[in-house]
């Protein structure tokens, strides 16, 4: 695939701005699991989990040793994030 074609596809898929951001923190959260990374981290992680709050654009990143750790990390993140928002 040519570089120009990839650039054209990328530009059409990802707009530079959007007017449809969520109105409140944690109304919409984007998440992804990335890996298997070529080399393990010093702590033994081969994956990482990300959460991005659509309203605030705040990003959380969690290293994971196994993909099966995702749900446990999600539950920890959810509790922490909800407590943080309630404090405002």
N, C-alpha and C. Protein backbone atom coordinates (compact mmCIF):
# COMPACT_ATOMS: atom_id res chain seq x y z
N UNK A 1 0.86 -1.17 0.00
CA UNK A 1 0.00 0.00 0.00
C UNK A 1 0.90 1.23 0.00
N UNK A 2 0.59 2.17 -0.83
CA UNK A 2 1.42 3.37 -0.93
C UNK A 2 1.24 4.28 0.28
N UNK A 3 2.28 5.06 0.57
CA UNK A 3 2.25 6.00 1.69
C UNK A 3 1.12 7.02 1.53
N UNK A 4 0.91 7.48 0.30
CA UNK A 4 -0.13 8.48 0.04
C UNK A 4 -1.52 7.91 0.33
N UNK A 5 -1.73 6.64 -0.03
CA UNK A 5 -3.02 6.01 0.22
C UNK A 5 -3.26 5.84 1.71
N UNK A 6 -2.26 5.39 2.45
CA UNK A 6 -2.37 5.23 3.90
C UNK A 6 -2.68 6.57 4.55
N UNK A 7 -1.98 7.62 4.12
CA UNK A 7 -2.20 8.95 4.68
C UNK A 7 -3.62 9.42 4.39
N UNK A 8 -4.12 9.15 3.20
CA UNK A 8 -5.47 9.54 2.82
C UNK A 8 -6.51 8.80 3.67
N UNK A 9 -6.31 7.51 3.87
CA UNK A 9 -7.23 6.72 4.69
C UNK A 9 -7.23 7.23 6.12
N UNK A 10 -6.05 7.48 6.67
CA UNK A 10 -5.92 7.96 8.04
C UNK A 10 -6.63 9.29 8.21
N UNK A 11 -6.46 10.19 7.29
CA UNK A 11 -7.11 11.50 7.39
C UNK A 11 -8.62 11.38 7.35
N UNK A 12 -9.14 10.46 6.56
CA UNK A 12 -10.59 10.33 6.47
C UNK A 12 -11.18 9.61 7.69
N UNK A 13 -10.41 8.74 8.36
CA UNK A 13 -10.91 8.01 9.51
C UNK A 13 -10.84 8.80 10.81
N UNK A 14 -9.88 9.67 10.94
CA UNK A 14 -9.65 10.38 12.19
C UNK A 14 -9.75 11.89 11.99
N UNK A 15 -10.92 12.45 12.23
CA UNK A 15 -11.06 13.91 12.06
C UNK A 15 -10.20 14.66 13.06
N UNK A 16 -9.75 15.85 12.68
CA UNK A 16 -8.90 16.66 13.55
C UNK A 16 -9.66 17.20 14.76
N UNK A 17 -10.95 17.41 14.62
CA UNK A 17 -11.74 17.88 15.75
C UNK A 17 -13.12 17.24 15.70
N UNK A 18 -13.77 17.26 16.84
CA UNK A 18 -15.10 16.67 16.93
C UNK A 18 -15.95 17.52 17.86
N UNK A 19 -17.19 17.65 17.53
CA UNK A 19 -18.10 18.41 18.38
C UNK A 19 -18.95 17.46 19.24
N UNK A 20 -18.63 16.19 19.21
CA UNK A 20 -19.46 15.22 19.92
C UNK A 20 -18.77 14.63 21.15
N UNK A 21 -18.00 15.45 21.87
CA UNK A 21 -17.40 14.98 23.11
C UNK A 21 -18.48 14.77 24.16
N UNK A 22 -18.23 13.85 25.07
CA UNK A 22 -19.21 13.63 26.13
C UNK A 22 -19.29 14.87 27.02
N UNK A 23 -20.41 15.01 27.69
CA UNK A 23 -20.64 16.20 28.51
C UNK A 23 -20.05 16.09 29.90
N UNK A 24 -19.90 14.87 30.41
CA UNK A 24 -19.40 14.65 31.77
C UNK A 24 -18.27 13.64 31.79
N UNK A 25 -17.34 13.78 32.74
CA UNK A 25 -16.28 12.78 32.87
C UNK A 25 -16.88 11.39 33.09
N UNK A 26 -16.29 10.41 32.47
CA UNK A 26 -16.65 8.99 32.55
C UNK A 26 -17.95 8.62 31.84
N UNK A 27 -18.59 9.57 31.15
CA UNK A 27 -19.76 9.20 30.35
C UNK A 27 -19.35 8.28 29.20
N UNK A 28 -18.18 8.54 28.63
CA UNK A 28 -17.65 7.73 27.55
C UNK A 28 -16.16 7.55 27.77
N UNK A 29 -15.72 6.32 27.85
CA UNK A 29 -14.31 6.01 28.07
C UNK A 29 -13.86 5.05 26.97
N UNK A 30 -12.77 5.39 26.31
CA UNK A 30 -12.19 4.54 25.28
C UNK A 30 -11.11 3.68 25.93
N UNK A 31 -11.04 2.42 25.52
CA UNK A 31 -10.08 1.51 26.13
C UNK A 31 -9.45 0.63 25.06
N UNK A 32 -8.22 0.20 25.33
CA UNK A 32 -7.53 -0.69 24.40
C UNK A 32 -6.53 -1.54 25.17
N UNK A 33 -6.32 -2.75 24.69
CA UNK A 33 -5.26 -3.62 25.21
C UNK A 33 -4.23 -3.74 24.11
N UNK A 34 -2.99 -3.41 24.43
CA UNK A 34 -1.91 -3.42 23.45
C UNK A 34 -0.89 -4.48 23.83
N UNK A 35 -0.34 -5.15 22.87
CA UNK A 35 0.69 -6.14 23.10
C UNK A 35 0.41 -7.32 22.19
N UNK A 36 1.18 -8.21 22.23
CA UNK A 36 2.29 -8.63 23.06
C UNK A 36 3.52 -7.83 22.63
N UNK A 37 4.14 -7.17 23.59
CA UNK A 37 5.28 -6.32 23.32
C UNK A 37 6.52 -7.19 23.13
N UNK A 38 7.41 -6.77 22.26
CA UNK A 38 8.60 -7.55 21.92
C UNK A 38 9.45 -7.96 23.12
N UNK A 39 9.64 -7.07 24.05
CA UNK A 39 10.43 -7.37 25.24
C UNK A 39 9.59 -7.06 26.47
N UNK A 40 9.73 -7.90 27.49
CA UNK A 40 9.01 -7.66 28.73
C UNK A 40 9.56 -6.42 29.43
N UNK A 41 8.69 -5.75 30.19
CA UNK A 41 9.15 -4.62 31.01
C UNK A 41 9.97 -5.17 32.17
N UNK A 42 10.58 -4.27 32.92
CA UNK A 42 11.36 -4.71 34.07
C UNK A 42 10.48 -5.45 35.08
N UNK A 43 9.20 -5.12 35.11
CA UNK A 43 8.26 -5.79 36.01
C UNK A 43 7.63 -7.04 35.42
N UNK A 44 7.99 -7.38 34.19
CA UNK A 44 7.49 -8.59 33.55
C UNK A 44 6.26 -8.41 32.68
N UNK A 45 5.84 -7.16 32.46
CA UNK A 45 4.64 -6.91 31.64
C UNK A 45 4.94 -7.10 30.16
N UNK A 46 3.99 -7.75 29.48
CA UNK A 46 4.08 -7.92 28.03
C UNK A 46 2.95 -7.22 27.29
N UNK A 47 2.00 -6.67 28.03
CA UNK A 47 0.84 -5.97 27.48
C UNK A 47 0.64 -4.69 28.27
N UNK A 48 -0.17 -3.79 27.73
CA UNK A 48 -0.62 -2.67 28.53
C UNK A 48 -2.05 -2.32 28.17
N UNK A 49 -2.76 -1.81 29.15
CA UNK A 49 -4.17 -1.46 29.05
C UNK A 49 -4.31 0.04 29.18
N UNK A 50 -5.06 0.65 28.28
CA UNK A 50 -5.26 2.10 28.35
C UNK A 50 -6.74 2.43 28.50
N UNK A 51 -7.00 3.52 29.21
CA UNK A 51 -8.32 4.11 29.33
C UNK A 51 -8.17 5.59 29.02
N UNK A 52 -9.04 6.13 28.17
CA UNK A 52 -9.03 7.56 27.84
C UNK A 52 -10.43 8.10 28.06
N UNK A 53 -10.55 9.06 28.97
CA UNK A 53 -11.83 9.70 29.22
C UNK A 53 -12.13 10.67 28.09
N UNK A 54 -13.29 10.52 27.46
CA UNK A 54 -13.64 11.33 26.30
C UNK A 54 -13.79 12.81 26.65
N UNK A 55 -14.32 13.12 27.83
CA UNK A 55 -14.54 14.52 28.22
C UNK A 55 -13.23 15.22 28.58
N UNK A 56 -12.47 14.63 29.49
CA UNK A 56 -11.27 15.29 30.01
C UNK A 56 -10.01 14.98 29.21
N UNK A 57 -10.06 13.90 28.41
CA UNK A 57 -8.89 13.39 27.68
C UNK A 57 -7.80 12.87 28.62
N UNK A 58 -8.17 12.64 29.86
CA UNK A 58 -7.23 12.08 30.82
C UNK A 58 -6.95 10.63 30.41
N UNK A 59 -5.69 10.21 30.54
CA UNK A 59 -5.27 8.87 30.12
C UNK A 59 -4.69 8.10 31.30
N UNK A 60 -5.13 6.85 31.42
CA UNK A 60 -4.56 5.93 32.41
C UNK A 60 -3.95 4.77 31.63
N UNK A 61 -2.77 4.32 32.06
CA UNK A 61 -2.09 3.20 31.41
C UNK A 61 -1.68 2.20 32.49
N UNK A 62 -2.03 0.95 32.28
CA UNK A 62 -1.70 -0.11 33.23
C UNK A 62 -0.89 -1.20 32.53
N UNK A 63 0.29 -1.53 33.05
CA UNK A 63 1.04 -2.66 32.49
C UNK A 63 0.37 -3.97 32.91
N UNK A 64 0.41 -4.95 32.03
CA UNK A 64 -0.19 -6.26 32.30
C UNK A 64 0.80 -7.37 31.97
N UNK A 65 0.88 -8.35 32.83
CA UNK A 65 1.71 -9.52 32.54
C UNK A 65 0.99 -10.47 31.60
N UNK A 66 -0.35 -10.54 31.73
CA UNK A 66 -1.16 -11.43 30.89
C UNK A 66 -2.43 -10.70 30.47
N UNK A 67 -2.95 -11.05 29.30
CA UNK A 67 -4.21 -10.45 28.85
C UNK A 67 -5.34 -10.76 29.82
N UNK A 68 -5.26 -11.89 30.46
CA UNK A 68 -6.33 -12.29 31.39
C UNK A 68 -6.40 -11.39 32.62
N UNK A 69 -5.43 -10.49 32.80
CA UNK A 69 -5.44 -9.54 33.91
C UNK A 69 -6.33 -8.31 33.64
N UNK A 70 -6.85 -8.20 32.42
CA UNK A 70 -7.60 -7.00 32.01
C UNK A 70 -8.79 -6.72 32.92
N UNK A 71 -9.62 -7.71 33.19
CA UNK A 71 -10.84 -7.45 33.95
C UNK A 71 -10.53 -7.00 35.37
N UNK A 72 -9.54 -7.59 36.01
CA UNK A 72 -9.17 -7.16 37.36
C UNK A 72 -8.68 -5.71 37.36
N UNK A 73 -7.87 -5.34 36.36
CA UNK A 73 -7.39 -3.95 36.26
C UNK A 73 -8.55 -3.01 35.97
N UNK A 74 -9.50 -3.46 35.13
CA UNK A 74 -10.66 -2.63 34.84
C UNK A 74 -11.44 -2.33 36.12
N UNK A 75 -11.67 -3.35 36.95
CA UNK A 75 -12.42 -3.14 38.19
C UNK A 75 -11.69 -2.17 39.12
N UNK A 76 -10.36 -2.29 39.19
CA UNK A 76 -9.58 -1.35 40.01
C UNK A 76 -9.69 0.06 39.46
N UNK A 77 -9.54 0.20 38.14
CA UNK A 77 -9.62 1.51 37.50
C UNK A 77 -11.01 2.13 37.71
N UNK A 78 -12.06 1.34 37.52
CA UNK A 78 -13.44 1.85 37.64
C UNK A 78 -13.69 2.40 39.04
N UNK A 79 -13.28 1.67 40.05
CA UNK A 79 -13.45 2.13 41.44
C UNK A 79 -12.70 3.44 41.67
N UNK A 80 -11.45 3.49 41.24
CA UNK A 80 -10.62 4.68 41.42
C UNK A 80 -11.20 5.87 40.65
N UNK A 81 -11.61 5.66 39.40
CA UNK A 81 -12.11 6.74 38.57
C UNK A 81 -13.42 7.30 39.13
N UNK A 82 -14.31 6.43 39.56
CA UNK A 82 -15.59 6.89 40.10
C UNK A 82 -15.39 7.68 41.40
N UNK A 83 -14.45 7.26 42.24
CA UNK A 83 -14.16 8.01 43.46
C UNK A 83 -13.57 9.38 43.11
N UNK A 84 -12.73 9.43 42.10
CA UNK A 84 -12.12 10.69 41.69
C UNK A 84 -13.16 11.67 41.18
N UNK A 85 -14.09 11.20 40.37
CA UNK A 85 -15.13 12.07 39.81
C UNK A 85 -16.08 12.52 40.92
N UNK A 86 -16.38 11.64 41.86
CA UNK A 86 -17.29 12.00 42.96
C UNK A 86 -16.69 13.10 43.84
N UNK A 87 -15.37 13.21 43.87
CA UNK A 87 -14.70 14.22 44.69
C UNK A 87 -14.87 15.63 44.13
N UNK A 88 -15.25 15.74 42.84
CA UNK A 88 -15.40 17.07 42.23
C UNK A 88 -16.71 17.63 42.60
